[in-house]
């Protein structure tokens, strides 16, 4: 159903939608710009290497980001008409993509931590159990929220807008609460992952300094740099998402609310489609550098945080 109105009370909503659309365009530009900048690395480190699970995950995340950004712009741009069916379908697609890509990033993190802990079965079991519990719960909650949501096209003073709400006017909109629960659950996954990464990194730093292995220490620095950016982005998105618990603040038309909404959208896109792929590129780039600097032609010491193990240079991470 399409709602047409020229009621002046809609002006704050129109302004809010226009500002958010600017942020979404900025997020899309960042994704495309990063893809252009890293295309050479991608060809060399991804396409020309032996294919593995990590390769598939990288390509899926990287190339889902482009249509995701386009849909986000279309659904928020007030000057593009999107029919009611299109609104709700894109809403479903965007939320489903969030869940799927978050799960993919979790798999990448499991592979990374499993390697960092020298293929410890105990660590693997712990990570898989937490990962499955969190992601299954998030998937179920997302489905509940989507089933309770309907979308409609609104034409307000000649601008177009997709609006979402509960199926019946008598129902309370539970989507903001469900969104906050999902981000709390994701935090339950991300915080232990961060702690495990920091713990093993500190332990290795100590050992490597004592042994004087500066090359591998440089590798740890490069990898931790990418991890810090990824977790910092996640922390920022989580803090903003938790504002959904206070809808009076989050849905106000204040400058702070507009800034938080826009920053949340940008950080979410950057975390998933820019920093996520960089977690893989950072490792493979350092692998390639060590191969170039090494006198060995076919094998080298593993730098996926496994000491005293020799693996092919086209390792899975």
Protein backbone atom coordinates (compact mmCIF):
# COMPACT_ATOMS: atom_id res chain seq x y z
CA UNK A 1 0.00 0.00 0.00
CA UNK A 2 1.20 3.53 -0.84
CA UNK A 3 0.60 6.40 1.58
CA UNK A 4 0.49 9.93 0.14
CA UNK A 5 0.56 12.92 2.48
CA UNK A 6 1.51 16.61 2.52
CA UNK A 7 1.07 16.99 6.27
CA UNK A 8 3.75 19.39 7.64
CA UNK A 9 4.24 17.08 10.63
CA UNK A 10 6.19 14.76 8.31
CA UNK A 11 8.97 17.29 7.68
CA UNK A 12 11.21 16.04 10.54
CA UNK A 13 10.88 12.49 9.20
CA UNK A 14 11.73 13.65 5.68
CA UNK A 15 14.82 15.49 6.95
CA UNK A 16 15.90 12.46 8.95
CA UNK A 17 15.56 10.21 5.90
CA UNK A 18 17.54 12.59 3.69
CA UNK A 19 20.43 12.78 6.19
CA UNK A 20 20.55 8.99 6.61
CA UNK A 21 20.58 8.59 2.81
CA UNK A 22 23.72 10.76 2.66
CA UNK A 23 25.42 8.47 5.16
CA UNK A 24 24.41 5.40 3.15
CA UNK A 25 25.85 6.90 -0.02
CA UNK A 26 29.07 7.57 1.90
CA UNK A 27 29.16 3.93 3.08
CA UNK A 28 28.66 2.69 -0.50
CA UNK A 29 31.46 4.94 -1.75
CA UNK A 30 33.80 3.58 0.94
CA UNK A 31 33.07 -0.02 -0.09
CA UNK A 32 33.66 0.70 -3.78
CA UNK A 33 36.75 2.82 -3.13
CA UNK A 34 38.29 0.12 -0.94
CA UNK A 35 37.54 -2.52 -3.58
CA UNK A 36 39.29 -0.43 -6.26
CA UNK A 37 42.30 0.16 -3.97
CA UNK A 38 42.69 -3.52 -3.08
CA UNK A 39 41.82 -5.03 -6.48
CA UNK A 40 45.49 -5.63 -7.31
CA UNK A 41 46.06 -7.35 -3.95
CA UNK A 42 42.90 -9.39 -4.43
CA UNK A 43 43.98 -10.67 -7.84
CA UNK A 44 47.43 -11.59 -6.58
CA UNK A 45 46.55 -12.93 -3.11
CA UNK A 46 43.10 -14.41 -3.68
CA UNK A 47 42.38 -15.27 -7.31
CA UNK A 48 45.88 -16.61 -8.10
CA UNK A 49 46.21 -18.70 -4.95
CA UNK A 50 44.95 -22.20 -4.23
CA UNK A 51 41.23 -22.03 -3.48
CA UNK A 52 40.01 -22.87 0.00
CA UNK A 53 37.11 -22.19 2.35
CA UNK A 54 38.66 -18.84 3.27
CA UNK A 55 38.91 -17.88 -0.40
CA UNK A 56 35.21 -18.57 -0.92
CA UNK A 57 34.28 -16.62 2.22
CA UNK A 58 36.42 -13.67 1.14
CA UNK A 59 34.86 -13.47 -2.31
CA UNK A 60 31.32 -13.92 -0.96
CA UNK A 61 31.72 -11.14 1.60
CA UNK A 62 33.53 -8.77 -0.74
CA UNK A 63 31.09 -9.08 -3.64
CA UNK A 64 27.92 -9.18 -1.57
CA UNK A 65 28.93 -5.75 -0.26
CA UNK A 66 28.30 -4.05 -3.59
CA UNK A 67 24.61 -5.04 -4.06
CA UNK A 68 24.10 -4.58 -0.31
CA UNK A 69 25.28 -0.97 -0.55
CA UNK A 70 23.10 -0.33 -3.61
CA UNK A 71 19.99 -1.69 -1.85
CA UNK A 72 20.76 0.36 1.25
CA UNK A 73 20.98 3.52 -0.84
CA UNK A 74 17.77 2.76 -2.76
CA UNK A 75 15.80 1.97 0.37
CA UNK A 76 16.89 5.20 2.06
CA UNK A 77 17.04 7.64 -0.86
CA UNK A 78 13.99 9.93 -0.74
CA UNK A 79 14.13 10.72 -4.47
CA UNK A 80 13.85 7.13 -5.75
CA UNK A 81 10.49 5.39 -5.84
CA UNK A 82 10.43 1.87 -4.45
CA UNK A 83 7.09 0.07 -4.41
CA UNK A 84 5.76 -1.46 -1.19
CA UNK A 85 6.71 -5.00 -2.27
CA UNK A 86 10.20 -3.78 -3.14
CA UNK A 87 10.54 -2.06 0.24
CA UNK A 88 9.80 -5.15 2.27
CA UNK A 89 11.81 -7.46 -0.02
CA UNK A 90 14.90 -5.27 0.25
CA UNK A 91 14.33 -5.01 4.00
CA UNK A 92 14.32 -8.82 4.22
CA UNK A 93 17.39 -9.06 1.98
CA UNK A 94 19.41 -6.52 3.97
CA UNK A 95 18.62 -8.09 7.35
CA UNK A 96 19.22 -11.61 6.06
CA UNK A 97 22.56 -10.48 4.59
CA UNK A 98 23.56 -8.99 7.95
CA UNK A 99 23.03 -12.34 9.67
CA UNK A 100 24.75 -14.39 6.96
CA UNK A 101 27.79 -12.12 6.58
CA UNK A 102 28.20 -11.90 10.36
CA UNK A 103 28.25 -15.71 10.45
CA UNK A 104 30.85 -15.79 7.65
CA UNK A 105 33.06 -13.38 9.56
CA UNK A 106 32.67 -15.63 12.59
CA UNK A 107 33.94 -18.61 10.57
CA UNK A 108 36.95 -16.56 9.46
CA UNK A 109 37.65 -15.68 13.08
CA UNK A 110 37.37 -19.33 14.13
CA UNK A 111 39.90 -20.37 11.48
CA UNK A 112 42.22 -17.57 12.55
CA UNK A 113 42.03 -18.37 16.27
CA UNK A 114 42.32 -22.11 15.62
CA UNK A 115 45.59 -21.46 13.80
CA UNK A 116 46.80 -19.01 16.45
CA UNK A 117 46.32 -21.68 19.15
CA UNK A 118 48.26 -24.27 17.12
CA UNK A 119 45.17 -26.29 16.16
CA UNK A 120 44.02 -26.84 19.74
CA UNK A 121 40.93 -29.05 19.72
CA UNK A 122 39.74 -27.55 23.02
CA UNK A 123 39.80 -24.03 21.56
CA UNK A 124 38.07 -25.23 18.39
CA UNK A 125 35.25 -26.92 20.33
CA UNK A 126 34.76 -23.85 22.53
CA UNK A 127 34.65 -21.48 19.56
CA UNK A 128 32.29 -23.67 17.53
CA UNK A 129 29.88 -24.14 20.45
CA UNK A 130 29.70 -20.41 21.20
CA UNK A 131 29.50 -19.55 17.51
CA UNK A 132 26.64 -21.95 16.80
CA UNK A 133 24.68 -20.95 19.90
CA UNK A 134 24.96 -17.23 19.11
CA UNK A 135 24.29 -17.47 15.38
CA UNK A 136 21.37 -19.89 15.65
CA UNK A 137 19.77 -17.62 18.24
CA UNK A 138 20.40 -14.54 16.06
CA UNK A 139 18.93 -16.30 13.04
CA UNK A 140 15.76 -17.29 14.91
CA UNK A 141 15.33 -13.80 16.37
CA UNK A 142 15.82 -12.22 12.93
CA UNK A 143 13.16 -14.48 11.43
CA UNK A 144 10.73 -13.59 14.23
CA UNK A 145 11.36 -9.88 13.65
CA UNK A 146 10.95 -10.14 9.87
CA UNK A 147 7.72 -12.13 10.17
CA UNK A 148 6.30 -9.38 12.39
CA UNK A 149 7.26 -6.56 10.01
CA UNK A 150 5.50 -5.13 6.98
CA UNK A 151 6.67 -2.37 4.67
CA UNK A 152 4.91 0.32 2.70
CA UNK A 153 5.85 3.09 0.31
CA UNK A 154 5.21 6.65 1.47
CA UNK A 155 5.13 9.75 -0.74
CA UNK A 156 5.66 12.80 1.46
CA UNK A 157 5.81 16.17 -0.28
CA UNK A 158 6.98 14.47 -3.46
CA UNK A 159 9.75 12.47 -1.74
CA UNK A 160 9.67 8.70 -1.46
CA UNK A 161 10.26 6.70 1.69
CA UNK A 162 10.04 3.08 2.82
CA UNK A 163 8.34 2.71 6.21
CA UNK A 164 8.27 -0.42 8.36
CA UNK A 165 6.17 -1.45 11.30
CA UNK A 166 4.21 -4.28 12.96
CA UNK A 167 1.60 -6.09 10.90
CA UNK A 168 -1.28 -4.64 12.90
CA UNK A 169 -1.53 -1.19 14.44
CA UNK A 170 -2.53 -2.69 17.78
CA UNK A 171 0.81 -4.51 18.09
CA UNK A 172 3.88 -2.95 19.65
CA UNK A 173 6.91 -2.69 17.37
CA UNK A 174 9.32 -5.25 18.82
CA UNK A 175 11.96 -4.93 16.08
CA UNK A 176 14.13 -2.36 17.98
CA UNK A 177 14.21 -4.65 21.02
CA UNK A 178 15.04 -7.70 18.90
CA UNK A 179 17.81 -5.75 17.16
CA UNK A 180 19.37 -4.92 20.53
CA UNK A 181 19.17 -8.56 21.63
CA UNK A 182 20.95 -9.66 18.44
CA UNK A 183 23.78 -7.22 19.07
CA UNK A 184 24.07 -8.33 22.69
CA UNK A 185 24.40 -11.93 21.47
CA UNK A 186 26.99 -10.91 18.88
CA UNK A 187 28.92 -9.19 21.66
CA UNK A 188 28.88 -12.51 23.56
CA UNK A 189 30.76 -13.94 20.56
CA UNK A 190 33.06 -11.04 19.73
CA UNK A 191 34.34 -10.34 23.25
CA UNK A 192 35.71 -13.87 23.90
CA UNK A 193 37.17 -13.90 20.38
CA UNK A 194 38.96 -10.62 21.09
CA UNK A 195 40.20 -11.84 24.48
CA UNK A 196 41.55 -15.06 22.98
CA UNK A 197 43.31 -13.15 20.19
CA UNK A 198 44.88 -10.67 22.62
CA UNK A 199 45.96 -13.39 25.05
CA UNK A 200 47.78 -15.52 22.48
CA UNK A 201 49.29 -12.44 20.81
CA UNK A 202 50.74 -11.20 24.11
CA UNK A 203 52.09 -14.67 24.86
CA UNK A 204 53.75 -14.92 21.46
CA UNK A 205 55.17 -11.40 21.69
CA UNK A 206 56.87 -12.37 24.93
CA UNK A 207 58.31 -15.56 23.50
CA UNK A 208 59.43 -13.98 20.24
CA UNK A 209 61.17 -11.06 21.92
CA UNK A 210 63.04 -13.47 24.15
CA UNK A 211 64.07 -15.49 21.10
CA UNK A 212 64.78 -12.43 18.96
CA UNK A 213 62.52 -13.48 16.08
CA UNK A 214 61.86 -9.99 14.74
CA UNK A 215 60.35 -11.10 11.40
CA UNK A 216 57.51 -13.05 13.00
CA UNK A 217 57.07 -10.28 15.57
CA UNK A 218 56.51 -7.85 12.69
CA UNK A 219 53.90 -10.26 11.36
CA UNK A 220 52.06 -10.19 14.67
CA UNK A 221 52.08 -6.41 14.62
CA UNK A 222 50.59 -6.35 11.13
CA UNK A 223 47.89 -8.84 12.01
CA UNK A 224 46.95 -7.22 15.31
CA UNK A 225 46.58 -3.90 13.51
CA UNK A 226 43.83 -5.36 11.31
CA UNK A 227 42.21 -7.06 14.31
CA UNK A 228 42.16 -3.85 16.34
CA UNK A 229 40.39 -1.96 13.55
CA UNK A 230 37.85 -4.78 13.12
CA UNK A 231 37.01 -5.05 16.82
CA UNK A 232 36.97 -1.27 17.27
CA UNK A 233 34.43 -0.99 14.46
CA UNK A 234 32.33 -3.76 16.01
CA UNK A 235 32.43 -2.04 19.40
CA UNK A 236 31.26 1.22 17.84
CA UNK A 237 28.36 -0.43 16.01
CA UNK A 238 27.35 -2.38 19.12
CA UNK A 239 27.22 0.73 21.30
CA UNK A 240 25.02 2.54 18.78
CA UNK A 241 22.78 -0.48 18.20
CA UNK A 242 22.12 -0.75 21.92
CA UNK A 243 20.51 2.69 21.67
CA UNK A 244 17.53 0.86 20.19
CA UNK A 245 16.69 -0.02 23.77
CA UNK A 246 15.85 3.68 24.20
CA UNK A 247 13.64 4.43 21.19
CA UNK A 248 12.72 7.87 22.53
CA UNK A 249 16.35 8.91 22.06
CA UNK A 250 17.18 6.92 18.96
CA UNK A 251 14.12 8.03 16.99
CA UNK A 252 14.29 11.65 17.99
CA UNK A 253 15.17 14.26 15.36
CA UNK A 254 18.11 15.71 17.28
CA UNK A 255 21.53 16.22 15.72
CA UNK A 256 22.96 13.55 18.00
CA UNK A 257 20.37 11.01 16.91
CA UNK A 258 20.99 11.77 13.22
CA UNK A 259 24.75 11.45 13.71
CA UNK A 260 24.44 8.16 15.60
CA UNK A 261 22.09 6.67 13.00
CA UNK A 262 24.39 7.61 10.14
CA UNK A 263 27.57 6.55 11.92
CA UNK A 264 25.98 3.20 12.79
CA UNK A 265 25.14 2.51 9.14
CA UNK A 266 28.63 3.43 7.95
CA UNK A 267 30.42 1.45 10.66
CA UNK A 268 28.25 -1.62 10.03
CA UNK A 269 29.02 -1.60 6.30
CA UNK A 270 32.73 -0.90 6.84
CA UNK A 271 33.04 -3.66 9.43
CA UNK A 272 31.39 -6.30 7.25
CA UNK A 273 32.58 -5.47 3.75
CA UNK A 274 35.88 -3.61 4.27
CA UNK A 275 37.52 -4.71 7.54
CA UNK A 276 36.22 -8.28 7.25
CA UNK A 277 38.03 -8.98 3.95
CA UNK A 278 41.10 -7.13 5.24
CA UNK A 279 41.43 -9.73 8.02
CA UNK A 280 42.29 -12.20 5.24
CA UNK A 281 44.29 -9.87 3.02
CA UNK A 282 46.52 -8.83 5.93
CA UNK A 283 47.67 -12.41 6.49
CA UNK A 284 48.14 -13.29 2.84
CA UNK A 285 49.96 -10.04 2.11
CA UNK A 286 52.46 -10.74 4.85
CA UNK A 287 52.83 -14.32 3.64
CA UNK A 288 53.66 -13.01 0.17
CA UNK A 289 56.18 -10.54 1.59
CA UNK A 290 57.96 -13.26 3.53
CA UNK A 291 58.07 -15.49 0.46
CA UNK A 292 59.63 -12.65 -1.54
CA UNK A 293 62.24 -11.96 1.13
CA UNK A 294 62.97 -15.60 1.84
CA UNK A 295 65.69 -17.70 0.21
CA UNK A 296 63.38 -20.71 0.28
CA UNK A 297 61.47 -21.32 -2.93
CA UNK A 298 58.62 -23.66 -2.00
CA UNK A 299 58.13 -23.65 1.76
CA UNK A 300 58.59 -21.37 4.71
CA UNK A 301 57.87 -21.23 8.39
CA UNK A 302 54.16 -20.83 9.01
CA UNK A 303 53.15 -17.36 10.06
CA UNK A 304 49.58 -18.25 10.89
CA UNK A 305 50.66 -18.32 14.52
CA UNK A 306 51.99 -21.87 14.45
CA UNK A 307 55.61 -22.08 15.53
CA UNK A 308 57.89 -24.89 14.36
CA UNK A 309 55.41 -25.99 11.66
CA UNK A 310 56.15 -25.84 7.95
CA UNK A 311 53.29 -25.36 5.54
CA UNK A 312 52.90 -24.43 1.86
CA UNK A 313 52.96 -20.69 1.17
CA UNK A 314 49.39 -20.85 -0.17
CA UNK A 315 47.98 -21.57 3.28
CA UNK A 316 44.29 -21.41 3.91
CA UNK A 317 44.33 -18.20 5.89
